[in-house]
ModelCIF file with pLDDT and N, C-alpha, C, O atoms, coordinates in Angstrom:
data_MODEL
#
_entry.id   MODEL 
#
_entity.id                         1 
_entity.type                       polymer 
_entity.pdbx_number_of_molecules   1 
#
_entity_poly.entity_id                      1 
_entity_poly.type                           'polypeptide(L)' 
_entity_poly.nstd_linkage                   no 
_entity_poly.nstd_monomer                   no 
_entity_poly.pdbx_seq_one_letter_code       SFQGAIAEKKAYHTIYQLDSNDPKTIEKAIRN 
_entity_poly.pdbx_seq_one_letter_code_can   SFQGAIAEKKAYHTIYQLDSNDPKTIEKAIRN 
_entity_poly.pdbx_strand_id                 A 
#
loop_
_entity_poly_seq.entity_id 
_entity_poly_seq.num 
_entity_poly_seq.mon_id 
_entity_poly_seq.hetero 
1 1  SER n 
1 2  PHE n 
1 3  GLN n 
1 4  GLY n 
1 5  ALA n 
1 6  ILE n 
1 7  ALA n 
1 8  GLU n 
1 9  LYS n 
1 10 LYS n 
1 11 ALA n 
1 12 TYR n 
1 13 HIS n 
1 14 THR n 
1 15 ILE n 
1 16 TYR n 
1 17 GLN n 
1 18 LEU n 
1 19 ASP n 
1 20 SER n 
1 21 ASN n 
1 22 ASP n 
1 23 PRO n 
1 24 LYS n 
1 25 THR n 
1 26 ILE n 
1 27 GLU n 
1 28 LYS n 
1 29 ALA n 
1 30 ILE n 
1 31 ARG n 
1 32 ASN n 
#
_struct_asym.id          A 
_struct_asym.entity_id   1 
#
loop_
_ma_qa_metric.id 
_ma_qa_metric.mode 
_ma_qa_metric.name 
_ma_qa_metric.software_group_id 
_ma_qa_metric.type 
1 global pLDDT . pLDDT 
2 local  pLDDT . pLDDT 
#
_ma_qa_metric_global.metric_id      1 
_ma_qa_metric_global.metric_value   96.81 
_ma_qa_metric_global.model_id       1 
_ma_qa_metric_global.ordinal_id     1 
#
loop_
_ma_qa_metric_local.label_asym_id 
_ma_qa_metric_local.label_comp_id 
_ma_qa_metric_local.label_seq_id 
_ma_qa_metric_local.metric_id 
_ma_qa_metric_local.metric_value 
_ma_qa_metric_local.model_id 
_ma_qa_metric_local.ordinal_id 
A SER 1  2 92.00 1 1  
A PHE 2  2 91.00 1 2  
A GLN 3  2 92.00 1 3  
A GLY 4  2 93.00 1 4  
A ALA 5  2 95.00 1 5  
A ILE 6  2 95.00 1 6  
A ALA 7  2 95.00 1 7  
A GLU 8  2 96.00 1 8  
A LYS 9  2 97.00 1 9  
A LYS 10 2 97.00 1 10 
A ALA 11 2 98.00 1 11 
A TYR 12 2 98.00 1 12 
A HIS 13 2 98.00 1 13 
A THR 14 2 98.00 1 14 
A ILE 15 2 98.00 1 15 
A TYR 16 2 98.00 1 16 
A GLN 17 2 98.00 1 17 
A LEU 18 2 98.00 1 18 
A ASP 19 2 98.00 1 19 
A SER 20 2 98.00 1 20 
A ASN 21 2 97.00 1 21 
A ASP 22 2 98.00 1 22 
A PRO 23 2 98.00 1 23 
A LYS 24 2 98.00 1 24 
A THR 25 2 98.00 1 25 
A ILE 26 2 98.00 1 26 
A GLU 27 2 98.00 1 27 
A LYS 28 2 98.00 1 28 
A ALA 29 2 98.00 1 29 
A ILE 30 2 98.00 1 30 
A ARG 31 2 98.00 1 31 
A ASN 32 2 98.00 1 32 
#
loop_
_atom_site.group_PDB 
_atom_site.id 
_atom_site.type_symbol 
_atom_site.label_atom_id 
_atom_site.label_alt_id 
_atom_site.label_comp_id 
_atom_site.label_asym_id 
_atom_site.label_entity_id 
_atom_site.label_seq_id 
_atom_site.pdbx_PDB_ins_code 
_atom_site.Cartn_x 
_atom_site.Cartn_y 
_atom_site.Cartn_z 
_atom_site.occupancy 
_atom_site.B_iso_or_equiv 
_atom_site.pdbx_formal_charge 
_atom_site.auth_seq_id 
_atom_site.auth_comp_id 
_atom_site.auth_asym_id 
_atom_site.auth_atom_id 
_atom_site.pdbx_PDB_model_num 
ATOM 1   N N  . SER A 1 1  ? 59.774 -50.956 25.162 1.00 92.00 ? 1  SER A N  1 
ATOM 2   C CA . SER A 1 1  ? 59.464 -50.568 26.546 1.00 92.00 ? 1  SER A CA 1 
ATOM 3   C C  . SER A 1 1  ? 58.434 -49.552 26.509 1.00 92.00 ? 1  SER A C  1 
ATOM 4   O O  . SER A 1 1  ? 58.055 -48.961 27.520 1.00 92.00 ? 1  SER A O  1 
ATOM 5   N N  . PHE A 1 2  ? 57.947 -49.334 25.258 1.00 91.00 ? 2  PHE A N  1 
ATOM 6   C CA . PHE A 1 2  ? 57.139 -48.112 24.831 1.00 91.00 ? 2  PHE A CA 1 
ATOM 7   C C  . PHE A 1 2  ? 55.592 -48.463 25.512 1.00 91.00 ? 2  PHE A C  1 
ATOM 8   O O  . PHE A 1 2  ? 55.044 -49.523 25.213 1.00 91.00 ? 2  PHE A O  1 
ATOM 9   N N  . GLN A 1 3  ? 55.149 -47.804 26.146 1.00 92.00 ? 3  GLN A N  1 
ATOM 10  C CA . GLN A 1 3  ? 53.546 -48.059 26.937 1.00 92.00 ? 3  GLN A CA 1 
ATOM 11  C C  . GLN A 1 3  ? 52.787 -47.283 26.507 1.00 92.00 ? 3  GLN A C  1 
ATOM 12  O O  . GLN A 1 3  ? 51.726 -47.250 27.130 1.00 92.00 ? 3  GLN A O  1 
ATOM 13  N N  . GLY A 1 4  ? 52.885 -46.484 25.517 1.00 93.00 ? 4  GLY A N  1 
ATOM 14  C CA . GLY A 1 4  ? 51.560 -45.562 25.080 1.00 93.00 ? 4  GLY A CA 1 
ATOM 15  C C  . GLY A 1 4  ? 51.610 -44.093 25.672 1.00 93.00 ? 4  GLY A C  1 
ATOM 16  O O  . GLY A 1 4  ? 52.362 -43.702 26.565 1.00 93.00 ? 4  GLY A O  1 
ATOM 17  N N  . ALA A 1 5  ? 50.807 -43.479 25.098 1.00 95.00 ? 5  ALA A N  1 
ATOM 18  C CA . ALA A 1 5  ? 50.568 -41.819 25.593 1.00 95.00 ? 5  ALA A CA 1 
ATOM 19  C C  . ALA A 1 5  ? 50.185 -42.005 26.565 1.00 95.00 ? 5  ALA A C  1 
ATOM 20  O O  . ALA A 1 5  ? 49.489 -43.006 26.738 1.00 95.00 ? 5  ALA A O  1 
ATOM 21  N N  . ILE A 1 6  ? 50.489 -41.059 27.713 1.00 95.00 ? 6  ILE A N  1 
ATOM 22  C CA . ILE A 1 6  ? 50.137 -40.446 28.880 1.00 95.00 ? 6  ILE A CA 1 
ATOM 23  C C  . ILE A 1 6  ? 48.750 -39.417 28.832 1.00 95.00 ? 6  ILE A C  1 
ATOM 24  O O  . ILE A 1 6  ? 48.669 -38.250 28.447 1.00 95.00 ? 6  ILE A O  1 
ATOM 25  N N  . ALA A 1 7  ? 47.831 -40.222 29.314 1.00 95.00 ? 7  ALA A N  1 
ATOM 26  C CA . ALA A 1 7  ? 46.511 -39.212 29.239 1.00 95.00 ? 7  ALA A CA 1 
ATOM 27  C C  . ALA A 1 7  ? 46.600 -38.109 30.334 1.00 95.00 ? 7  ALA A C  1 
ATOM 28  O O  . ALA A 1 7  ? 46.264 -38.350 31.494 1.00 95.00 ? 7  ALA A O  1 
ATOM 29  N N  . GLU A 1 8  ? 47.114 -36.753 29.888 1.00 96.00 ? 8  GLU A N  1 
ATOM 30  C CA . GLU A 1 8  ? 47.528 -35.669 30.784 1.00 96.00 ? 8  GLU A CA 1 
ATOM 31  C C  . GLU A 1 8  ? 46.049 -34.720 31.102 1.00 96.00 ? 8  GLU A C  1 
ATOM 32  O O  . GLU A 1 8  ? 45.803 -34.061 32.111 1.00 96.00 ? 8  GLU A O  1 
ATOM 33  N N  . LYS A 1 9  ? 45.235 -34.902 29.937 1.00 97.00 ? 9  LYS A N  1 
ATOM 34  C CA . LYS A 1 9  ? 44.034 -34.174 30.050 1.00 97.00 ? 9  LYS A CA 1 
ATOM 35  C C  . LYS A 1 9  ? 43.379 -34.393 31.084 1.00 97.00 ? 9  LYS A C  1 
ATOM 36  O O  . LYS A 1 9  ? 43.704 -35.435 31.652 1.00 97.00 ? 9  LYS A O  1 
ATOM 37  N N  . LYS A 1 10 ? 42.357 -33.656 31.682 1.00 97.00 ? 10 LYS A N  1 
ATOM 38  C CA . LYS A 1 10 ? 41.329 -33.914 32.682 1.00 97.00 ? 10 LYS A CA 1 
ATOM 39  C C  . LYS A 1 10 ? 40.255 -34.662 31.957 1.00 97.00 ? 10 LYS A C  1 
ATOM 40  O O  . LYS A 1 10 ? 39.638 -35.563 32.526 1.00 97.00 ? 10 LYS A O  1 
ATOM 41  N N  . ALA A 1 11 ? 39.980 -34.268 30.540 1.00 98.00 ? 11 ALA A N  1 
ATOM 42  C CA . ALA A 1 11 ? 38.736 -35.166 30.135 1.00 98.00 ? 11 ALA A CA 1 
ATOM 43  C C  . ALA A 1 11 ? 38.775 -35.342 28.487 1.00 98.00 ? 11 ALA A C  1 
ATOM 44  O O  . ALA A 1 11 ? 39.041 -34.415 27.722 1.00 98.00 ? 11 ALA A O  1 
ATOM 45  N N  . TYR A 1 12 ? 38.506 -36.514 28.132 1.00 98.00 ? 12 TYR A N  1 
ATOM 46  C CA . TYR A 1 12 ? 38.811 -36.835 26.562 1.00 98.00 ? 12 TYR A CA 1 
ATOM 47  C C  . TYR A 1 12 ? 37.314 -36.991 26.145 1.00 98.00 ? 12 TYR A C  1 
ATOM 48  O O  . TYR A 1 12 ? 36.439 -37.207 26.984 1.00 98.00 ? 12 TYR A O  1 
ATOM 49  N N  . HIS A 1 13 ? 37.053 -36.866 24.770 1.00 98.00 ? 13 HIS A N  1 
ATOM 50  C CA . HIS A 1 13 ? 35.426 -37.096 24.526 1.00 98.00 ? 13 HIS A CA 1 
ATOM 51  C C  . HIS A 1 13 ? 35.767 -37.835 23.180 1.00 98.00 ? 13 HIS A C  1 
ATOM 52  O O  . HIS A 1 13 ? 36.761 -37.449 22.565 1.00 98.00 ? 13 HIS A O  1 
ATOM 53  N N  . THR A 1 14 ? 35.084 -38.775 22.726 1.00 98.00 ? 14 THR A N  1 
ATOM 54  C CA . THR A 1 14 ? 35.112 -39.485 21.495 1.00 98.00 ? 14 THR A CA 1 
ATOM 55  C C  . THR A 1 14 ? 33.891 -39.944 21.018 1.00 98.00 ? 14 THR A C  1 
ATOM 56  O O  . THR A 1 14 ? 33.287 -40.563 21.893 1.00 98.00 ? 14 THR A O  1 
ATOM 57  N N  . ILE A 1 15 ? 33.208 -39.861 19.794 1.00 98.00 ? 15 ILE A N  1 
ATOM 58  C CA . ILE A 1 15 ? 31.841 -40.482 19.112 1.00 98.00 ? 15 ILE A CA 1 
ATOM 59  C C  . ILE A 1 15 ? 32.404 -41.539 18.172 1.00 98.00 ? 15 ILE A C  1 
ATOM 60  O O  . ILE A 1 15 ? 33.369 -41.431 17.416 1.00 98.00 ? 15 ILE A O  1 
ATOM 61  N N  . TYR A 1 16 ? 31.784 -42.347 18.326 1.00 98.00 ? 16 TYR A N  1 
ATOM 62  C CA . TYR A 1 16 ? 31.907 -43.601 17.355 1.00 98.00 ? 16 TYR A CA 1 
ATOM 63  C C  . TYR A 1 16 ? 31.106 -43.837 16.516 1.00 98.00 ? 16 TYR A C  1 
ATOM 64  O O  . TYR A 1 16 ? 30.050 -44.315 16.931 1.00 98.00 ? 16 TYR A O  1 
ATOM 65  N N  . GLN A 1 17 ? 31.227 -43.639 15.167 1.00 98.00 ? 17 GLN A N  1 
ATOM 66  C CA . GLN A 1 17 ? 30.383 -43.660 13.977 1.00 98.00 ? 17 GLN A CA 1 
ATOM 67  C C  . GLN A 1 17 ? 30.040 -44.934 13.336 1.00 98.00 ? 17 GLN A C  1 
ATOM 68  O O  . GLN A 1 17 ? 30.818 -45.508 12.574 1.00 98.00 ? 17 GLN A O  1 
ATOM 69  N N  . LEU A 1 18 ? 28.698 -45.447 13.689 1.00 98.00 ? 18 LEU A N  1 
ATOM 70  C CA . LEU A 1 18 ? 28.222 -46.656 12.974 1.00 98.00 ? 18 LEU A CA 1 
ATOM 71  C C  . LEU A 1 18 ? 27.397 -46.535 11.883 1.00 98.00 ? 18 LEU A C  1 
ATOM 72  O O  . LEU A 1 18 ? 26.193 -46.323 12.028 1.00 98.00 ? 18 LEU A O  1 
ATOM 73  N N  . ASP A 1 19 ? 27.887 -46.642 10.865 1.00 98.00 ? 19 ASP A N  1 
ATOM 74  C CA . ASP A 1 19 ? 27.001 -46.352 9.515  1.00 98.00 ? 19 ASP A CA 1 
ATOM 75  C C  . ASP A 1 19 ? 26.955 -47.872 8.541  1.00 98.00 ? 19 ASP A C  1 
ATOM 76  O O  . ASP A 1 19 ? 26.737 -47.910 7.330  1.00 98.00 ? 19 ASP A O  1 
ATOM 77  N N  . SER A 1 20 ? 27.199 -48.951 9.356  1.00 98.00 ? 20 SER A N  1 
ATOM 78  C CA . SER A 1 20 ? 27.286 -50.047 8.388  1.00 98.00 ? 20 SER A CA 1 
ATOM 79  C C  . SER A 1 20 ? 26.471 -51.323 9.194  1.00 98.00 ? 20 SER A C  1 
ATOM 80  O O  . SER A 1 20 ? 26.591 -51.431 10.415 1.00 98.00 ? 20 SER A O  1 
ATOM 81  N N  . ASN A 1 21 ? 25.778 -52.114 8.541  1.00 97.00 ? 21 ASN A N  1 
ATOM 82  C CA . ASN A 1 21 ? 24.907 -53.321 9.248  1.00 97.00 ? 21 ASN A CA 1 
ATOM 83  C C  . ASN A 1 21 ? 25.485 -54.458 9.035  1.00 97.00 ? 21 ASN A C  1 
ATOM 84  O O  . ASN A 1 21 ? 24.833 -55.500 9.103  1.00 97.00 ? 21 ASN A O  1 
ATOM 85  N N  . ASP A 1 22 ? 26.770 -54.449 8.750  1.00 98.00 ? 22 ASP A N  1 
ATOM 86  C CA . ASP A 1 22 ? 27.786 -55.868 8.682  1.00 98.00 ? 22 ASP A CA 1 
ATOM 87  C C  . ASP A 1 22 ? 28.073 -56.289 10.433 1.00 98.00 ? 22 ASP A C  1 
ATOM 88  O O  . ASP A 1 22 ? 28.713 -55.725 11.320 1.00 98.00 ? 22 ASP A O  1 
ATOM 89  N N  . PRO A 1 23 ? 27.383 -57.354 10.395 1.00 98.00 ? 23 PRO A N  1 
ATOM 90  C CA . PRO A 1 23 ? 27.577 -57.454 11.779 1.00 98.00 ? 23 PRO A CA 1 
ATOM 91  C C  . PRO A 1 23 ? 29.174 -57.481 12.446 1.00 98.00 ? 23 PRO A C  1 
ATOM 92  O O  . PRO A 1 23 ? 29.379 -57.172 13.620 1.00 98.00 ? 23 PRO A O  1 
ATOM 93  N N  . LYS A 1 24 ? 29.953 -57.784 11.769 1.00 98.00 ? 24 LYS A N  1 
ATOM 94  C CA . LYS A 1 24 ? 31.463 -57.819 11.937 1.00 98.00 ? 24 LYS A CA 1 
ATOM 95  C C  . LYS A 1 24 ? 31.947 -56.248 12.312 1.00 98.00 ? 24 LYS A C  1 
ATOM 96  O O  . LYS A 1 24 ? 32.864 -56.099 13.119 1.00 98.00 ? 24 LYS A O  1 
ATOM 97  N N  . THR A 1 25 ? 31.265 -55.033 11.667 1.00 98.00 ? 25 THR A N  1 
ATOM 98  C CA . THR A 1 25 ? 31.448 -54.036 11.668 1.00 98.00 ? 25 THR A CA 1 
ATOM 99  C C  . THR A 1 25 ? 30.842 -53.543 13.198 1.00 98.00 ? 25 THR A C  1 
ATOM 100 O O  . THR A 1 25 ? 31.446 -52.725 13.890 1.00 98.00 ? 25 THR A O  1 
ATOM 101 N N  . ILE A 1 26 ? 29.679 -54.113 13.565 1.00 98.00 ? 26 ILE A N  1 
ATOM 102 C CA . ILE A 1 26 ? 28.765 -53.813 14.539 1.00 98.00 ? 26 ILE A CA 1 
ATOM 103 C C  . ILE A 1 26 ? 29.383 -54.180 15.739 1.00 98.00 ? 26 ILE A C  1 
ATOM 104 O O  . ILE A 1 26 ? 29.399 -53.444 16.726 1.00 98.00 ? 26 ILE A O  1 
ATOM 105 N N  . GLU A 1 27 ? 29.938 -55.389 15.687 1.00 98.00 ? 27 GLU A N  1 
ATOM 106 C CA . GLU A 1 27 ? 30.634 -56.031 16.717 1.00 98.00 ? 27 GLU A CA 1 
ATOM 107 C C  . GLU A 1 27 ? 31.836 -55.381 17.201 1.00 98.00 ? 27 GLU A C  1 
ATOM 108 O O  . GLU A 1 27 ? 32.189 -55.215 18.368 1.00 98.00 ? 27 GLU A O  1 
ATOM 109 N N  . LYS A 1 28 ? 32.550 -54.954 15.857 1.00 98.00 ? 28 LYS A N  1 
ATOM 110 C CA . LYS A 1 28 ? 34.072 -54.426 16.306 1.00 98.00 ? 28 LYS A CA 1 
ATOM 111 C C  . LYS A 1 28 ? 33.688 -52.861 17.089 1.00 98.00 ? 28 LYS A C  1 
ATOM 112 O O  . LYS A 1 28 ? 34.439 -52.326 17.905 1.00 98.00 ? 28 LYS A O  1 
ATOM 113 N N  . ALA A 1 29 ? 32.468 -52.339 16.672 1.00 98.00 ? 29 ALA A N  1 
ATOM 114 C CA . ALA A 1 29 ? 32.099 -50.903 17.410 1.00 98.00 ? 29 ALA A CA 1 
ATOM 115 C C  . ALA A 1 29 ? 31.840 -51.280 18.677 1.00 98.00 ? 29 ALA A C  1 
ATOM 116 O O  . ALA A 1 29 ? 32.230 -50.488 19.535 1.00 98.00 ? 29 ALA A O  1 
ATOM 117 N N  . ILE A 1 30 ? 31.219 -52.397 19.099 1.00 98.00 ? 30 ILE A N  1 
ATOM 118 C CA . ILE A 1 30 ? 30.863 -52.343 20.583 1.00 98.00 ? 30 ILE A CA 1 
ATOM 119 C C  . ILE A 1 30 ? 32.293 -53.058 21.213 1.00 98.00 ? 30 ILE A C  1 
ATOM 120 O O  . ILE A 1 30 ? 32.556 -52.818 22.392 1.00 98.00 ? 30 ILE A O  1 
ATOM 121 N N  . ARG A 1 31 ? 32.931 -53.667 20.664 1.00 98.00 ? 31 ARG A N  1 
ATOM 122 C CA . ARG A 1 31 ? 34.165 -53.945 21.389 1.00 98.00 ? 31 ARG A CA 1 
ATOM 123 C C  . ARG A 1 31 ? 35.252 -53.118 21.391 1.00 98.00 ? 31 ARG A C  1 
ATOM 124 O O  . ARG A 1 31 ? 36.136 -53.146 22.247 1.00 98.00 ? 31 ARG A O  1 
ATOM 125 N N  . ASN A 1 32 ? 35.194 -52.161 20.172 1.00 98.00 ? 32 ASN A N  1 
ATOM 126 C CA . ASN A 1 32 ? 36.234 -51.061 20.472 1.00 98.00 ? 32 ASN A CA 1 
ATOM 127 C C  . ASN A 1 32 ? 35.753 -49.807 21.843 1.00 98.00 ? 32 ASN A C  1 
ATOM 128 O O  . ASN A 1 32 ? 36.524 -48.897 22.146 1.00 98.00 ? 32 ASN A O  1 
#
């Protein structure tokens, strides 16, 4: 029955690091 954490904050900030030219990694970053 677990549904994940509740986003209780007003704002969230995240930075995605892309340092690979591997197409699978690039596509994964975009998909994520």
